[in-house]
């Protein structure tokens, strides 16, 4: 079973602005859609948050939520490591 992937407007703007890293982020989202806990990716659960994870891609972080009831991966934030958790 494959998850559907949706991105927030903030993530869409980030991808438009960072054309160099966008293909790698999109490829990672395709992998997550097939297997949300793929060991090939640097994924960690966010502390104190249920069903929310972070994906590390170089110096950037993508925050996403797994919504099992809707079979959905929702990517809601992408920024550099120093800014993403603010």
N, C-alpha and C. Protein backbone atom coordinates (compact mmCIF):
# COMPACT_ATOMS: atom_id res chain seq x y z
N UNK A 1 0.84 -1.17 0.00
CA UNK A 1 0.00 0.00 0.00
C UNK A 1 0.89 1.24 0.00
N UNK A 2 0.59 2.14 -0.86
CA UNK A 2 1.36 3.38 -1.00
C UNK A 2 0.58 4.55 -0.40
N UNK A 3 1.30 5.40 0.29
CA UNK A 3 0.68 6.60 0.87
C UNK A 3 0.61 7.70 -0.19
N UNK A 4 -0.37 8.54 -0.04
CA UNK A 4 -0.49 9.75 -0.86
C UNK A 4 0.35 10.82 -0.18
N UNK A 5 1.00 11.68 -0.96
CA UNK A 5 1.85 12.74 -0.40
C UNK A 5 1.25 14.10 -0.73
N UNK A 6 1.12 14.94 0.29
CA UNK A 6 0.69 16.33 0.11
C UNK A 6 1.73 17.22 0.76
N UNK A 7 1.93 18.41 0.18
CA UNK A 7 2.88 19.37 0.74
C UNK A 7 2.16 20.68 1.04
N UNK A 8 2.61 21.36 2.08
CA UNK A 8 2.04 22.65 2.44
C UNK A 8 2.54 23.72 1.47
N UNK A 9 1.91 24.88 1.50
CA UNK A 9 2.37 26.00 0.67
C UNK A 9 3.79 26.39 1.04
N UNK A 10 4.12 26.30 2.33
CA UNK A 10 5.47 26.63 2.78
C UNK A 10 6.51 25.70 2.16
N UNK A 11 6.21 24.41 2.10
CA UNK A 11 7.13 23.45 1.49
C UNK A 11 7.22 23.70 -0.01
N UNK A 12 6.10 24.00 -0.66
CA UNK A 12 6.12 24.30 -2.10
C UNK A 12 7.01 25.51 -2.39
N UNK A 13 6.91 26.55 -1.57
CA UNK A 13 7.75 27.74 -1.76
C UNK A 13 9.22 27.39 -1.55
N UNK A 14 9.51 26.57 -0.55
CA UNK A 14 10.88 26.15 -0.29
C UNK A 14 11.45 25.40 -1.49
N UNK A 15 10.67 24.50 -2.06
CA UNK A 15 11.13 23.73 -3.21
C UNK A 15 11.36 24.62 -4.42
N UNK A 16 10.49 25.62 -4.63
CA UNK A 16 10.68 26.56 -5.73
C UNK A 16 11.94 27.39 -5.56
N UNK A 17 12.23 27.76 -4.33
CA UNK A 17 13.38 28.62 -4.04
C UNK A 17 14.70 27.85 -4.06
N UNK A 18 14.68 26.59 -3.66
CA UNK A 18 15.89 25.78 -3.55
C UNK A 18 15.90 24.69 -4.63
N UNK A 19 16.08 25.10 -5.85
CA UNK A 19 16.05 24.17 -6.99
C UNK A 19 17.15 23.11 -6.90
N UNK A 20 18.26 23.43 -6.21
CA UNK A 20 19.37 22.49 -6.11
C UNK A 20 19.03 21.25 -5.28
N UNK A 21 18.27 21.43 -4.22
CA UNK A 21 17.95 20.32 -3.32
C UNK A 21 16.55 19.74 -3.58
N UNK A 22 15.72 20.44 -4.32
CA UNK A 22 14.33 20.02 -4.56
C UNK A 22 14.22 18.61 -5.13
N UNK A 23 15.02 18.23 -6.15
CA UNK A 23 14.88 16.86 -6.68
C UNK A 23 15.16 15.79 -5.63
N UNK A 24 16.12 16.03 -4.77
CA UNK A 24 16.44 15.05 -3.73
C UNK A 24 15.31 14.95 -2.71
N UNK A 25 14.71 16.08 -2.36
CA UNK A 25 13.58 16.07 -1.42
C UNK A 25 12.39 15.34 -2.03
N UNK A 26 12.10 15.62 -3.30
CA UNK A 26 10.97 14.96 -3.96
C UNK A 26 11.20 13.45 -4.08
N UNK A 27 12.43 13.04 -4.38
CA UNK A 27 12.76 11.62 -4.45
C UNK A 27 12.57 10.97 -3.08
N UNK A 28 13.00 11.65 -2.03
CA UNK A 28 12.83 11.13 -0.67
C UNK A 28 11.36 10.99 -0.31
N UNK A 29 10.54 11.95 -0.73
CA UNK A 29 9.09 11.85 -0.47
C UNK A 29 8.48 10.66 -1.20
N UNK A 30 8.97 10.37 -2.41
CA UNK A 30 8.48 9.18 -3.13
C UNK A 30 8.83 7.90 -2.38
N UNK A 31 10.04 7.87 -1.82
CA UNK A 31 10.46 6.69 -1.04
C UNK A 31 9.60 6.56 0.21
N UNK A 32 9.37 7.68 0.91
CA UNK A 32 8.55 7.67 2.12
C UNK A 32 7.12 7.22 1.81
N UNK A 33 6.61 7.60 0.65
CA UNK A 33 5.25 7.20 0.26
C UNK A 33 5.14 5.68 0.15
N UNK A 34 6.21 5.02 -0.27
CA UNK A 34 6.22 3.57 -0.37
C UNK A 34 6.46 2.89 0.98
N UNK A 35 7.36 3.50 1.78
CA UNK A 35 7.71 2.95 3.09
C UNK A 35 8.06 4.11 4.02
N UNK A 36 7.13 4.54 4.87
CA UNK A 36 7.35 5.72 5.72
C UNK A 36 8.53 5.60 6.69
N UNK A 37 9.06 4.39 6.88
CA UNK A 37 10.16 4.20 7.83
C UNK A 37 11.37 3.56 7.15
N UNK A 38 11.62 3.92 5.90
CA UNK A 38 12.72 3.35 5.12
C UNK A 38 14.06 3.61 5.82
N UNK A 39 14.83 2.55 6.03
CA UNK A 39 16.12 2.67 6.72
C UNK A 39 17.18 3.38 5.88
N UNK A 40 16.96 3.51 4.59
CA UNK A 40 17.93 4.18 3.73
C UNK A 40 17.93 5.69 3.94
N UNK A 41 16.86 6.22 4.55
CA UNK A 41 16.74 7.66 4.79
C UNK A 41 17.00 7.97 6.26
N UNK A 42 17.46 9.18 6.52
CA UNK A 42 17.72 9.62 7.90
C UNK A 42 16.43 10.22 8.47
N UNK A 43 15.61 9.36 9.06
CA UNK A 43 14.30 9.74 9.60
C UNK A 43 14.31 9.56 11.11
N UNK A 44 13.78 10.55 11.81
CA UNK A 44 13.63 10.44 13.27
C UNK A 44 12.26 10.96 13.67
N UNK A 45 11.70 10.33 14.69
CA UNK A 45 10.42 10.79 15.24
C UNK A 45 10.67 12.06 16.04
N UNK A 46 9.78 13.03 15.92
CA UNK A 46 9.89 14.26 16.69
C UNK A 46 9.45 14.00 18.13
N UNK A 47 10.24 14.44 19.07
CA UNK A 47 9.91 14.23 20.48
C UNK A 47 8.66 15.02 20.86
N UNK A 48 7.80 14.38 21.61
CA UNK A 48 6.60 15.04 22.09
C UNK A 48 5.52 15.20 21.05
N UNK A 49 5.73 14.66 19.88
CA UNK A 49 4.76 14.77 18.79
C UNK A 49 4.37 13.36 18.33
N UNK A 50 3.10 13.13 18.21
CA UNK A 50 2.64 11.83 17.76
C UNK A 50 2.48 11.84 16.24
N UNK A 51 3.04 10.87 15.58
CA UNK A 51 2.94 10.69 14.13
C UNK A 51 3.70 11.76 13.34
N UNK A 52 4.61 12.51 13.98
CA UNK A 52 5.37 13.54 13.27
C UNK A 52 6.84 13.15 13.26
N UNK A 53 7.47 13.38 12.09
CA UNK A 53 8.84 12.95 11.87
C UNK A 53 9.62 14.04 11.16
N UNK A 54 10.95 13.88 11.21
CA UNK A 54 11.80 14.77 10.45
C UNK A 54 12.68 13.92 9.54
N UNK A 55 12.90 14.45 8.36
CA UNK A 55 13.77 13.82 7.38
C UNK A 55 14.96 14.74 7.17
N UNK A 56 16.16 14.21 7.36
CA UNK A 56 17.37 15.00 7.17
C UNK A 56 17.89 14.77 5.76
N UNK A 57 18.09 15.88 5.04
CA UNK A 57 18.66 15.83 3.70
C UNK A 57 19.77 16.87 3.67
N UNK A 58 20.99 16.43 3.95
CA UNK A 58 22.11 17.36 4.03
C UNK A 58 21.89 18.34 5.17
N UNK A 59 22.00 19.63 4.87
CA UNK A 59 21.81 20.65 5.91
C UNK A 59 20.35 21.07 6.05
N UNK A 60 19.46 20.42 5.33
CA UNK A 60 18.04 20.77 5.37
C UNK A 60 17.24 19.71 6.11
N UNK A 61 16.09 20.14 6.64
CA UNK A 61 15.18 19.24 7.33
C UNK A 61 13.78 19.41 6.76
N UNK A 62 13.11 18.30 6.57
CA UNK A 62 11.72 18.28 6.13
C UNK A 62 10.91 17.65 7.26
N UNK A 63 9.92 18.37 7.74
CA UNK A 63 9.04 17.85 8.79
C UNK A 63 7.76 17.35 8.14
N UNK A 64 7.33 16.17 8.54
CA UNK A 64 6.11 15.62 7.96
C UNK A 64 5.34 14.82 8.99
N UNK A 65 4.08 14.62 8.68
CA UNK A 65 3.17 13.88 9.55
C UNK A 65 2.59 12.70 8.77
N UNK A 66 2.47 11.58 9.44
CA UNK A 66 1.84 10.40 8.85
C UNK A 66 0.41 10.33 9.37
N UNK A 67 -0.55 10.39 8.47
CA UNK A 67 -1.97 10.31 8.84
C UNK A 67 -2.50 8.99 8.29
N UNK A 68 -2.44 7.95 9.13
CA UNK A 68 -2.79 6.60 8.69
C UNK A 68 -4.24 6.48 8.24
N UNK A 69 -5.15 7.19 8.92
CA UNK A 69 -6.57 7.07 8.58
C UNK A 69 -6.85 7.49 7.14
N UNK A 70 -6.05 8.42 6.63
CA UNK A 70 -6.24 8.92 5.26
C UNK A 70 -5.19 8.37 4.30
N UNK A 71 -4.31 7.51 4.80
CA UNK A 71 -3.19 6.97 4.02
C UNK A 71 -2.45 8.15 3.37
N UNK A 72 -1.98 9.06 4.22
CA UNK A 72 -1.43 10.34 3.76
C UNK A 72 -0.13 10.67 4.48
N UNK A 73 0.84 11.17 3.72
CA UNK A 73 2.05 11.78 4.25
C UNK A 73 1.90 13.27 3.98
N UNK A 74 1.88 14.09 5.03
CA UNK A 74 1.72 15.54 4.87
C UNK A 74 3.02 16.23 5.27
N UNK A 75 3.75 16.75 4.28
CA UNK A 75 4.98 17.50 4.53
C UNK A 75 4.60 18.94 4.80
N UNK A 76 4.86 19.42 6.02
CA UNK A 76 4.36 20.74 6.41
C UNK A 76 5.44 21.79 6.61
N UNK A 77 6.72 21.40 6.67
CA UNK A 77 7.75 22.41 6.87
C UNK A 77 9.08 21.91 6.32
N UNK A 78 9.81 22.81 5.64
CA UNK A 78 11.15 22.50 5.13
C UNK A 78 12.00 23.75 5.26
N UNK A 79 13.14 23.61 5.92
CA UNK A 79 14.06 24.73 6.09
C UNK A 79 15.44 24.17 6.42
N UNK A 80 16.39 25.10 6.57
CA UNK A 80 17.71 24.68 7.01
C UNK A 80 17.63 24.20 8.46
N UNK A 81 18.60 23.44 8.87
CA UNK A 81 18.56 22.83 10.19
C UNK A 81 18.40 23.86 11.31
N UNK A 82 19.04 24.99 11.21
CA UNK A 82 18.99 25.99 12.26
C UNK A 82 17.65 26.69 12.39
N UNK A 83 16.84 26.67 11.35
CA UNK A 83 15.58 27.41 11.35
C UNK A 83 14.33 26.54 11.48
N UNK A 84 14.42 25.28 11.15
CA UNK A 84 13.23 24.44 11.01
C UNK A 84 12.49 24.21 12.32
N UNK A 85 13.19 24.18 13.44
CA UNK A 85 12.54 23.84 14.71
C UNK A 85 12.00 25.06 15.45
N UNK A 86 12.14 26.25 14.89
CA UNK A 86 11.67 27.48 15.55
C UNK A 86 10.18 27.65 15.39
